[in-house]
Amino acid sequence: PETNDWLEGYETQREAWEHQYAEAQTRFEQHQQQVIKSREADAAAAAEGGEAAAPAASGGGSYSSEGADTSGALASDEALAALREKLAGGQS
């Protein structure tokens, strides 16, 4: 039956794998600590400066263009409607 134990004669490979696993575990734990510190810093910044860091602190974040410059290629509803009409092949 399959036991998932290392076979005899593969000690070198097992030791290398265990070393790689230990390094990966250490990196993972360091990453977790970095994430915690980052969230704490975001929360502190949000508490100090209002809501500026709130999306990052909640982990959600937003890629919307709220409050962004509206001088882009589709700045007006008319331009967006024209693009939709063009992409639909003029069938709407």
PDB file of N, CA and C in Angstrom:
ATOM      1  N   PRO A   1       0.828  -1.199   0.000  1.00  0.00           N
ATOM      2  CA  PRO A   1       0.000   0.000   0.000  1.00  0.00           C
ATOM      3  C   PRO A   1       0.872   1.262   0.000  1.00  0.00           C
ATOM      4  N   GLU A   2       0.307   2.328  -0.539  1.00  0.00           N
ATOM      5  CA  GLU A   2       1.003   3.612  -0.632  1.00  0.00           C
ATOM      6  C   GLU A   2       0.994   4.300   0.731  1.00  0.00           C
ATOM      7  N   THR A   3       2.193   4.629   1.237  1.00  0.00           N
ATOM      8  CA  THR A   3       2.282   5.259   2.557  1.00  0.00           C
ATOM      9  C   THR A   3       2.773   6.698   2.491  1.00  0.00           C
ATOM     10  N   ASN A   4       3.234   7.127   1.308  1.00  0.00           N
ATOM     11  CA  ASN A   4       3.796   8.461   1.130  1.00  0.00           C
ATOM     12  C   ASN A   4       5.047   8.688   1.965  1.00  0.00           C
ATOM     13  N   ASP A   5       5.693   7.623   2.401  1.00  0.00           N
ATOM     14  CA  ASP A   5       6.970   7.722   3.093  1.00  0.00           C
ATOM     15  C   ASP A   5       8.085   7.686   2.057  1.00  0.00           C
ATOM     16  N   TRP A   6       9.219   8.274   2.406  1.00  0.00           N
ATOM     17  CA  TRP A   6      10.367   8.245   1.512  1.00  0.00           C
ATOM     18  C   TRP A   6      10.919   6.829   1.447  1.00  0.00           C
ATOM     19  N   LEU A   7      11.306   6.415   0.263  1.00  0.00           N
ATOM     20  CA  LEU A   7      11.881   5.087   0.077  1.00  0.00           C
ATOM     21  C   LEU A   7      13.343   5.086   0.506  1.00  0.00           C
ATOM     22  N   GLU A   8      13.842   3.895   0.830  1.00  0.00           N
ATOM     23  CA  GLU A   8      15.245   3.743   1.189  1.00  0.00           C
ATOM     24  C   GLU A   8      16.106   4.160   0.005  1.00  0.00           C
ATOM     25  N   GLY A   9      17.228   4.813   0.288  1.00  0.00           N
ATOM     26  CA  GLY A   9      18.140   5.226  -0.761  1.00  0.00           C
ATOM     27  C   GLY A   9      17.893   6.627  -1.289  1.00  0.00           C
ATOM     28  N   TYR A  10      16.861   7.292  -0.813  1.00  0.00           N
ATOM     29  CA  TYR A  10      16.533   8.642  -1.282  1.00  0.00           C
ATOM     30  C   TYR A  10      16.731   9.681  -0.180  1.00  0.00           C
ATOM     31  N   GLU A  11      17.661   9.393   0.724  1.00  0.00           N
ATOM     32  CA  GLU A  11      17.877  10.299   1.856  1.00  0.00           C
ATOM     33  C   GLU A  11      18.350  11.677   1.400  1.00  0.00           C
ATOM     34  N   THR A  12      19.233  11.706   0.394  1.00  0.00           N
ATOM     35  CA  THR A  12      19.755  12.985  -0.093  1.00  0.00           C
ATOM     36  C   THR A  12      18.628  13.845  -0.659  1.00  0.00           C
ATOM     37  N   GLN A  13      17.767  13.240  -1.467  1.00  0.00           N
ATOM     38  CA  GLN A  13      16.647  13.984  -2.040  1.00  0.00           C
ATOM     39  C   GLN A  13      15.675  14.434  -0.952  1.00  0.00           C
ATOM     40  N   ARG A  14      15.453  13.575   0.029  1.00  0.00           N
ATOM     41  CA  ARG A  14      14.548  13.928   1.121  1.00  0.00           C
ATOM     42  C   ARG A  14      15.095  15.107   1.906  1.00  0.00           C
ATOM     43  N   GLU A  15      16.400  15.079   2.203  1.00  0.00           N
ATOM     44  CA  GLU A  15      17.006  16.180   2.948  1.00  0.00           C
ATOM     45  C   GLU A  15      16.928  17.484   2.153  1.00  0.00           C
ATOM     46  N   ALA A  16      17.169  17.406   0.846  1.00  0.00           N
ATOM     47  CA  ALA A  16      17.070  18.604   0.006  1.00  0.00           C
ATOM     48  C   ALA A  16      15.636  19.126   0.004  1.00  0.00           C
ATOM     49  N   TRP A  17      14.666  18.229  -0.110  1.00  0.00           N
ATOM     50  CA  TRP A  17      13.265  18.638  -0.119  1.00  0.00           C
ATOM     51  C   TRP A  17      12.879  19.264   1.220  1.00  0.00           C
ATOM     52  N   GLU A  18      13.315  18.637   2.313  1.00  0.00           N
ATOM     53  CA  GLU A  18      12.984  19.176   3.638  1.00  0.00           C
ATOM     54  C   GLU A  18      13.606  20.553   3.834  1.00  0.00           C
ATOM     55  N   HIS A  19      14.822  20.742   3.302  1.00  0.00           N
ATOM     56  CA  HIS A  19      15.475  22.048   3.398  1.00  0.00           C
ATOM     57  C   HIS A  19      14.689  23.090   2.599  1.00  0.00           C
ATOM     58  N   GLN A  20      14.285  22.741   1.381  1.00  0.00           N
ATOM     59  CA  GLN A  20      13.495  23.661   0.556  1.00  0.00           C
ATOM     60  C   GLN A  20      12.161  23.975   1.226  1.00  0.00           C
ATOM     61  N   TYR A  21      11.550  22.966   1.809  1.00  0.00           N
ATOM     62  CA  TYR A  21      10.265  23.165   2.474  1.00  0.00           C
ATOM     63  C   TYR A  21      10.425  24.102   3.663  1.00  0.00           C
ATOM     64  N   ALA A  22      11.495  23.913   4.443  1.00  0.00           N
ATOM     65  CA  ALA A  22      11.729  24.767   5.605  1.00  0.00           C
ATOM     66  C   ALA A  22      11.951  26.220   5.172  1.00  0.00           C
ATOM     67  N   GLU A  23      12.706  26.412   4.081  1.00  0.00           N
ATOM     68  CA  GLU A  23      12.919  27.771   3.571  1.00  0.00           C
ATOM     69  C   GLU A  23      11.602  28.389   3.101  1.00  0.00           C
ATOM     70  N   ALA A  24      10.800  27.605   2.412  1.00  0.00           N
ATOM     71  CA  ALA A  24       9.509  28.107   1.935  1.00  0.00           C
ATOM     72  C   ALA A  24       8.599  28.450   3.108  1.00  0.00           C
ATOM     73  N   GLN A  25       8.614  27.638   4.135  1.00  0.00           N
ATOM     74  CA  GLN A  25       7.797  27.897   5.320  1.00  0.00           C
ATOM     75  C   GLN A  25       8.238  29.196   5.987  1.00  0.00           C
ATOM     76  N   THR A  26       9.548  29.403   6.064  1.00  0.00           N
ATOM     77  CA  THR A  26      10.076  30.634   6.649  1.00  0.00           C
ATOM     78  C   THR A  26       9.646  31.847   5.833  1.00  0.00           C
ATOM     79  N   ARG A  27       9.751  31.745   4.496  1.00  0.00           N
ATOM     80  CA  ARG A  27       9.315  32.854   3.637  1.00  0.00           C
ATOM     81  C   ARG A  27       7.826  33.123   3.810  1.00  0.00           C
ATOM     82  N   PHE A  28       7.038  32.068   3.926  1.00  0.00           N
ATOM     83  CA  PHE A  28       5.596  32.230   4.107  1.00  0.00           C
ATOM     84  C   PHE A  28       5.296  32.955   5.416  1.00  0.00           C
ATOM     85  N   GLU A  29       5.969  32.550   6.480  1.00  0.00           N
ATOM     86  CA  GLU A  29       5.736  33.190   7.774  1.00  0.00           C
ATOM     87  C   GLU A  29       6.171  34.653   7.749  1.00  0.00           C
ATOM     88  N   GLN A  30       7.291  34.943   7.073  1.00  0.00           N
ATOM     89  CA  GLN A  30       7.731  36.331   6.945  1.00  0.00           C
ATOM     90  C   GLN A  30       6.718  37.143   6.147  1.00  0.00           C
ATOM     91  N   HIS A  31       6.184  36.536   5.107  1.00  0.00           N
ATOM     92  CA  HIS A  31       5.167  37.215   4.298  1.00  0.00           C
ATOM     93  C   HIS A  31       3.929  37.512   5.142  1.00  0.00           C
ATOM     94  N   GLN A  32       3.503  36.546   5.936  1.00  0.00           N
ATOM     95  CA  GLN A  32       2.330  36.759   6.785  1.00  0.00           C
ATOM     96  C   GLN A  32       2.566  37.920   7.744  1.00  0.00           C
ATOM     97  N   GLN A  33       3.769  37.999   8.322  1.00  0.00           N
ATOM     98  CA  GLN A  33       4.085  39.100   9.226  1.00  0.00           C
ATOM     99  C   GLN A  33       4.085  40.432   8.477  1.00  0.00           C
ATOM    100  N   GLN A  34       4.594  40.427   7.250  1.00  0.00           N
ATOM    101  CA  GLN A  34       4.605  41.645   6.442  1.00  0.00           C
ATOM    102  C   GLN A  34       3.184  42.106   6.133  1.00  0.00           C
ATOM    103  N   VAL A  35       2.307  41.172   5.827  1.00  0.00           N
ATOM    104  CA  VAL A  35       0.914  41.509   5.542  1.00  0.00           C
ATOM    105  C   VAL A  35       0.257  42.108   6.781  1.00  0.00           C
ATOM    106  N   ILE A  36       0.499  41.507   7.926  1.00  0.00           N
ATOM    107  CA  ILE A  36      -0.080  42.017   9.176  1.00  0.00           C
ATOM    108  C   ILE A  36       0.412  43.434   9.443  1.00  0.00           C
ATOM    109  N   LYS A  37       1.726  43.655   9.301  1.00  0.00           N
ATOM    110  CA  LYS A  37       2.279  44.991   9.536  1.00  0.00           C
ATOM    111  C   LYS A  37       1.718  45.999   8.543  1.00  0.00           C
ATOM    112  N   SER A  38       1.559  45.583   7.304  1.00  0.00           N
ATOM    113  CA  SER A  38       1.009  46.475   6.284  1.00  0.00           C
ATOM    114  C   SER A  38      -0.425  46.858   6.614  1.00  0.00           C
ATOM    115  N   ARG A  39      -1.211  45.888   7.028  1.00  0.00           N
ATOM    116  CA  ARG A  39      -2.607  46.183   7.390  1.00  0.00           C
ATOM    117  C   ARG A  39      -2.678  47.086   8.610  1.00  0.00           C
ATOM    118  N   GLU A  40      -1.779  46.858   9.581  1.00  0.00           N
ATOM    119  CA  GLU A  40      -1.755  47.720  10.758  1.00  0.00           C
ATOM    120  C   GLU A  40      -1.370  49.144  10.366  1.00  0.00           C
ATOM    121  N   ALA A  41      -0.386  49.277   9.466  1.00  0.00           N
ATOM    122  CA  ALA A  41       0.031  50.604   9.012  1.00  0.00           C
ATOM    123  C   ALA A  41      -1.090  51.288   8.244  1.00  0.00           C
ATOM    124  N   ASP A  42      -1.797  50.533   7.408  1.00  0.00           N
ATOM    125  CA  ASP A  42      -2.926  51.101   6.671  1.00  0.00           C
ATOM    126  C   ASP A  42      -4.025  51.557   7.624  1.00  0.00           C
ATOM    127  N   ALA A  43      -4.292  50.754   8.636  1.00  0.00           N
ATOM    128  CA  ALA A  43      -5.320  51.118   9.610  1.00  0.00           C
ATOM    129  C   ALA A  43      -4.903  52.367  10.377  1.00  0.00           C
ATOM    130  N   ALA A  44      -3.620  52.453  10.743  1.00  0.00           N
ATOM    131  CA  ALA A  44      -3.133  53.629  11.459  1.00  0.00           C
ATOM    132  C   ALA A  44      -3.214  54.868  10.573  1.00  0.00           C
ATOM    133  N   ALA A  45      -2.858  54.715   9.304  1.00  0.00           N
ATOM    134  CA  ALA A  45      -2.933  55.848   8.379  1.00  0.00           C
ATOM    135  C   ALA A  45      -4.378  56.276   8.169  1.00  0.00           C
ATOM    136  N   ALA A  46      -5.279  55.309   8.110  1.00  0.00           N
ATOM    137  CA  ALA A  46      -6.694  55.636   7.939  1.00  0.00           C
ATOM    138  C   ALA A  46      -7.223  56.368   9.165  1.00  0.00           C
ATOM    139  N   ALA A  47      -6.765  55.952  10.346  1.00  0.00           N
ATOM    140  CA  ALA A  47      -7.209  56.600  11.574  1.00  0.00           C
ATOM    141  C   ALA A  47      -6.674  58.025  11.659  1.00  0.00           C
ATOM    142  N   GLU A  48      -5.462  58.241  11.170  1.00  0.00           N
ATOM    143  CA  GLU A  48      -4.863  59.570  11.227  1.00  0.00           C
ATOM    144  C   GLU A  48      -5.397  60.494  10.142  1.00  0.00           C
ATOM    145  N   GLY A  49      -5.518  59.974   8.921  1.00  0.00           N
ATOM    146  CA  GLY A  49      -5.838  60.844   7.802  1.00  0.00           C
ATOM    147  C   GLY A  49      -7.229  60.689   7.248  1.00  0.00           C
ATOM    148  N   GLY A  50      -8.107  60.115   7.976  1.00  0.00           N
ATOM    149  CA  GLY A  50      -9.460  59.951   7.468  1.00  0.00           C
ATOM    150  C   GLY A  50      -9.603  58.664   6.691  1.00  0.00           C
ATOM    151  N   GLU A  51     -10.203  58.759   5.516  1.00  0.00           N
ATOM    152  CA  GLU A  51     -10.552  57.562   4.758  1.00  0.00           C
ATOM    153  C   GLU A  51      -9.587  57.296   3.605  1.00  0.00           C
ATOM    154  N   ALA A  52      -8.480  57.992   3.538  1.00  0.00           N
ATOM    155  CA  ALA A  52      -7.574  57.855   2.396  1.00  0.00           C
ATOM    156  C   ALA A  52      -7.056  56.437   2.235  1.00  0.00           C
ATOM    157  N   ALA A  53      -6.760  55.738   3.328  1.00  0.00           N
ATOM    158  CA  ALA A  53      -6.191  54.392   3.228  1.00  0.00           C
ATOM    159  C   ALA A  53      -7.211  53.308   3.515  1.00  0.00           C
ATOM    160  N   ALA A  54      -8.465  53.663   3.652  1.00  0.00           N
ATOM    161  CA  ALA A  54      -9.480  52.677   4.027  1.00  0.00           C
ATOM    162  C   ALA A  54      -9.635  51.530   3.041  1.00  0.00           C
ATOM    163  N   PRO A  55      -9.652  51.734   1.719  1.00  0.00           N
ATOM    164  CA  PRO A  55      -9.809  50.588   0.819  1.00  0.00           C
ATOM    165  C   PRO A  55      -8.683  49.577   0.958  1.00  0.00           C
ATOM    166  N   ALA A  56      -7.448  50.028   1.109  1.00  0.00           N
ATOM    167  CA  ALA A  56      -6.338  49.096   1.263  1.00  0.00           C
ATOM    168  C   ALA A  56      -6.415  48.387   2.601  1.00  0.00           C
ATOM    169  N   ALA A  57      -6.862  49.089   3.638  1.00  0.00           N
ATOM    170  CA  ALA A  57      -6.930  48.476   4.955  1.00  0.00           C
ATOM    171  C   ALA A  57      -7.969  47.368   5.001  1.00  0.00           C
ATOM    172  N   SER A  58      -9.039  47.517   4.239  1.00  0.00           N
ATOM    173  CA  SER A  58     -10.075  46.494   4.252  1.00  0.00           C
ATOM    174  C   SER A  58      -9.717  45.319   3.369  1.00  0.00           C
ATOM    175  N   GLY A  59      -8.638  45.461   2.602  1.00  0.00           N
ATOM    176  CA  GLY A  59      -8.224  44.366   1.743  1.00  0.00           C
ATOM    177  C   GLY A  59      -8.945  44.348   0.417  1.00  0.00           C
ATOM    178  N   GLY A  60      -9.962  45.181   0.260  1.00  0.00           N
ATOM    179  CA  GLY A  60     -10.722  45.167  -0.974  1.00  0.00           C
ATOM    180  C   GLY A  60     -10.078  45.994  -2.063  1.00  0.00           C
ATOM    181  N   GLY A  61      -9.836  47.244  -1.757  1.00  0.00           N
ATOM    182  CA  GLY A  61      -9.273  48.117  -2.762  1.00  0.00           C
ATOM    183  C   GLY A  61     -10.275  48.363  -3.868  1.00  0.00           C
ATOM    184  N   SER A  62     -10.030  49.374  -4.632  1.00  0.00           N
ATOM    185  CA  SER A  62     -10.942  49.694  -5.712  1.00  0.00           C
ATOM    186  C   SER A  62     -10.150  50.194  -6.896  1.00  0.00           C
ATOM    187  N   TYR A  63     -10.532  49.740  -8.062  1.00  0.00           N
ATOM    188  CA  TYR A  63      -9.894  50.205  -9.270  1.00  0.00           C
ATOM    189  C   TYR A  63     -10.838  51.098 -10.056  1.00  0.00           C
ATOM    190  N   SER A  64     -11.865  51.590  -9.412  1.00  0.00           N
ATOM    191  CA  SER A  64     -12.799  52.469 -10.097  1.00  0.00           C
ATOM    192  C   SER A  64     -12.153  53.827 -10.292  1.00  0.00           C
ATOM    193  N   SER A  65     -12.746  54.622 -11.136  1.00  0.00           N
ATOM    194  CA  SER A  65     -12.178  55.929 -11.433  1.00  0.00           C
ATOM    195  C   SER A  65     -12.953  57.038 -10.741  1.00  0.00           C
ATOM    196  N   GLU A  66     -13.462  56.761  -9.561  1.00  0.00           N
ATOM    197  CA  GLU A  66     -14.191  57.777  -8.828  1.00  0.00           C
ATOM    198  C   GLU A  66     -13.264  58.945  -8.531  1.00  0.00           C
ATOM    199  N   GLY A  67     -13.725  60.133  -8.829  1.00  0.00           N
ATOM    200  CA  GLY A  67     -12.944  61.317  -8.541  1.00  0.00           C
ATOM    201  C   GLY A  67     -11.749  61.484  -9.464  1.00  0.00           C
ATOM    202  N   ALA A  68     -11.636  60.673 -10.471  1.00  0.00           N
ATOM    203  CA  ALA A  68     -10.504  60.761 -11.384  1.00  0.00           C
ATOM    204  C   ALA A  68     -10.754  61.833 -12.429  1.00  0.00           C
ATOM    205  N   ASP A  69      -9.703  62.152 -13.155  1.00  0.00           N
ATOM    206  CA  ASP A  69      -9.807  63.127 -14.233  1.00  0.00           C
ATOM    207  C   ASP A  69     -10.765  62.594 -15.290  1.00  0.00           C
ATOM    208  N   THR A  70     -11.725  63.415 -15.697  1.00  0.00           N
ATOM    209  CA  THR A  70     -12.730  62.961 -16.660  1.00  0.00           C
ATOM    210  C   THR A  70     -12.462  63.506 -18.051  1.00  0.00           C
ATOM    211  N   SER A  71     -11.207  63.729 -18.385  1.00  0.00           N
ATOM    212  CA  SER A  71     -10.887  64.260 -19.711  1.00  0.00           C
ATOM    213  C   SER A  71     -10.366  63.172 -20.639  1.00  0.00           C
ATOM    214  N   GLY A  72     -10.690  61.932 -20.369  1.00  0.00           N
ATOM    215  CA  GLY A  72     -10.217  60.821 -21.182  1.00  0.00           C
ATOM    216  C   GLY A  72     -10.969  60.704 -22.490  1.00  0.00           C
ATOM    217  N   ALA A  73     -10.670  59.636 -23.236  1.00  0.00           N
ATOM    218  CA  ALA A  73     -11.261  59.436 -24.552  1.00  0.00           C
ATOM    219  C   ALA A  73     -12.771  59.248 -24.483  1.00  0.00           C
ATOM    220  N   LEU A  74     -13.265  58.672 -23.412  1.00  0.00           N
ATOM    221  CA  LEU A  74     -14.707  58.443 -23.271  1.00  0.00           C
ATOM    222  C   LEU A  74     -15.258  59.293 -22.130  1.00  0.00           C
ATOM    223  N   ALA A  75     -14.860  60.560 -22.113  1.00  0.00           N
ATOM    224  CA  ALA A  75     -15.222  61.428 -21.006  1.00  0.00           C
ATOM    225  C   ALA A  75     -16.713  61.694 -20.932  1.00  0.00           C
ATOM    226  N   SER A  76     -17.388  61.667 -22.047  1.00  0.00           N
ATOM    227  CA  SER A  76     -18.810  61.987 -22.009  1.00  0.00           C
ATOM    228  C   SER A  76     -19.650  60.739 -22.242  1.00  0.00           C
ATOM    229  N   ASP A  77     -20.871  60.800 -21.790  1.00  0.00           N
ATOM    230  CA  ASP A  77     -21.806  59.702 -22.026  1.00  0.00           C
ATOM    231  C   ASP A  77     -22.069  59.525 -23.513  1.00  0.00           C
ATOM    232  N   GLU A  78     -22.039  60.635 -24.253  1.00  0.00           N
ATOM    233  CA  GLU A  78     -22.272  60.555 -25.692  1.00  0.00           C
ATOM    234  C   GLU A  78     -21.173  59.755 -26.386  1.00  0.00           C
ATOM    235  N   ALA A  79     -19.918  59.978 -25.975  1.00  0.00           N
ATOM    236  CA  ALA A  79     -18.804  59.246 -26.580  1.00  0.00           C
ATOM    237  C   ALA A  79     -18.908  57.759 -26.257  1.00  0.00           C
ATOM    238  N   LEU A  80     -19.299  57.445 -25.032  1.00  0.00           N
ATOM    239  CA  LEU A  80     -19.460  56.050 -24.640  1.00  0.00           C
ATOM    240  C   LEU A  80     -20.605  55.409 -25.408  1.00  0.00           C
ATOM    241  N   ALA A  81     -21.713  56.138 -25.557  1.00  0.00           N
ATOM    242  CA  ALA A  81     -22.854  55.612 -26.307  1.00  0.00           C
ATOM    243  C   ALA A  81     -22.480  55.393 -27.771  1.00  0.00           C
ATOM    244  N   ALA A  82     -21.690  56.307 -28.335  1.00  0.00           N
ATOM    245  CA  ALA A  82     -21.261  56.159 -29.728  1.00  0.00           C
ATOM    246  C   ALA A  82     -20.372  54.933 -29.890  1.00  0.00           C
ATOM    247  N   LEU A  83     -19.492  54.697 -28.929  1.00  0.00           N
ATOM    248  CA  LEU A  83     -18.629  53.517 -28.992  1.00  0.00           C
ATOM    249  C   LEU A  83     -19.449  52.243 -28.881  1.00  0.00           C
ATOM    250  N   ARG A  84     -20.416  52.235 -27.983  1.00  0.00           N
ATOM    251  CA  ARG A  84     -21.277  51.051 -27.849  1.00  0.00           C
ATOM    252  C   ARG A  84     -22.027  50.785 -29.155  1.00  0.00           C
ATOM    253  N   GLU A  85     -22.532  51.848 -29.762  1.00  0.00           N
ATOM    254  CA  GLU A  85     -23.256  51.722 -31.032  1.00  0.00           C
ATOM    255  C   GLU A  85     -22.339  51.155 -32.110  1.00  0.00           C
ATOM    256  N   LYS A  86     -21.120  51.669 -32.165  1.00  0.00           N
ATOM    257  CA  LYS A  86     -20.157  51.210 -33.167  1.00  0.00           C
ATOM    258  C   LYS A  86     -19.807  49.737 -32.952  1.00  0.00           C
ATOM    259  N   LEU A  87     -19.568  49.344 -31.694  1.00  0.00           N
ATOM    260  CA  LEU A  87     -19.201  47.961 -31.392  1.00  0.00           C
ATOM    261  C   LEU A  87     -20.360  47.000 -31.619  1.00  0.00           C
ATOM    262  N   ALA A  88     -21.571  47.481 -31.445  1.00  0.00           N
ATOM    263  CA  ALA A  88     -22.743  46.638 -31.667  1.00  0.00           C
ATOM    264  C   ALA A  88     -23.074  46.536 -33.149  1.00  0.00           C
ATOM    265  N   GLY A  89     -22.337  47.219 -33.973  1.00  0.00           N
ATOM    266  CA  GLY A  89     -22.573  47.168 -35.408  1.00  0.00           C
ATOM    267  C   GLY A  89     -23.745  48.021 -35.841  1.00  0.00           C
ATOM    268  N   GLY A  90     -24.105  48.985 -35.020  1.00  0.00           N
ATOM    269  CA  GLY A  90     -25.205  49.872 -35.374  1.00  0.00           C
ATOM    270  C   GLY A  90     -26.562  49.209 -35.300  1.00  0.00           C
ATOM    271  N   GLN A  91     -26.692  48.139 -34.527  1.00  0.00           N
ATOM    272  CA  GLN A  91     -27.944  47.387 -34.494  1.00  0.00           C
ATOM    273  C   GLN A  91     -28.761  47.634 -33.243  1.00  0.00           C
ATOM    274  N   SER A  92     -28.455  48.694 -32.506  1.00  0.00           N
ATOM    275  CA  SER A  92     -29.255  48.929 -31.311  1.00  0.00           C
ATOM    276  C   SER A  92     -30.112  50.145 -31.431  1.00  0.00           C
TER     277      SER A  92
END
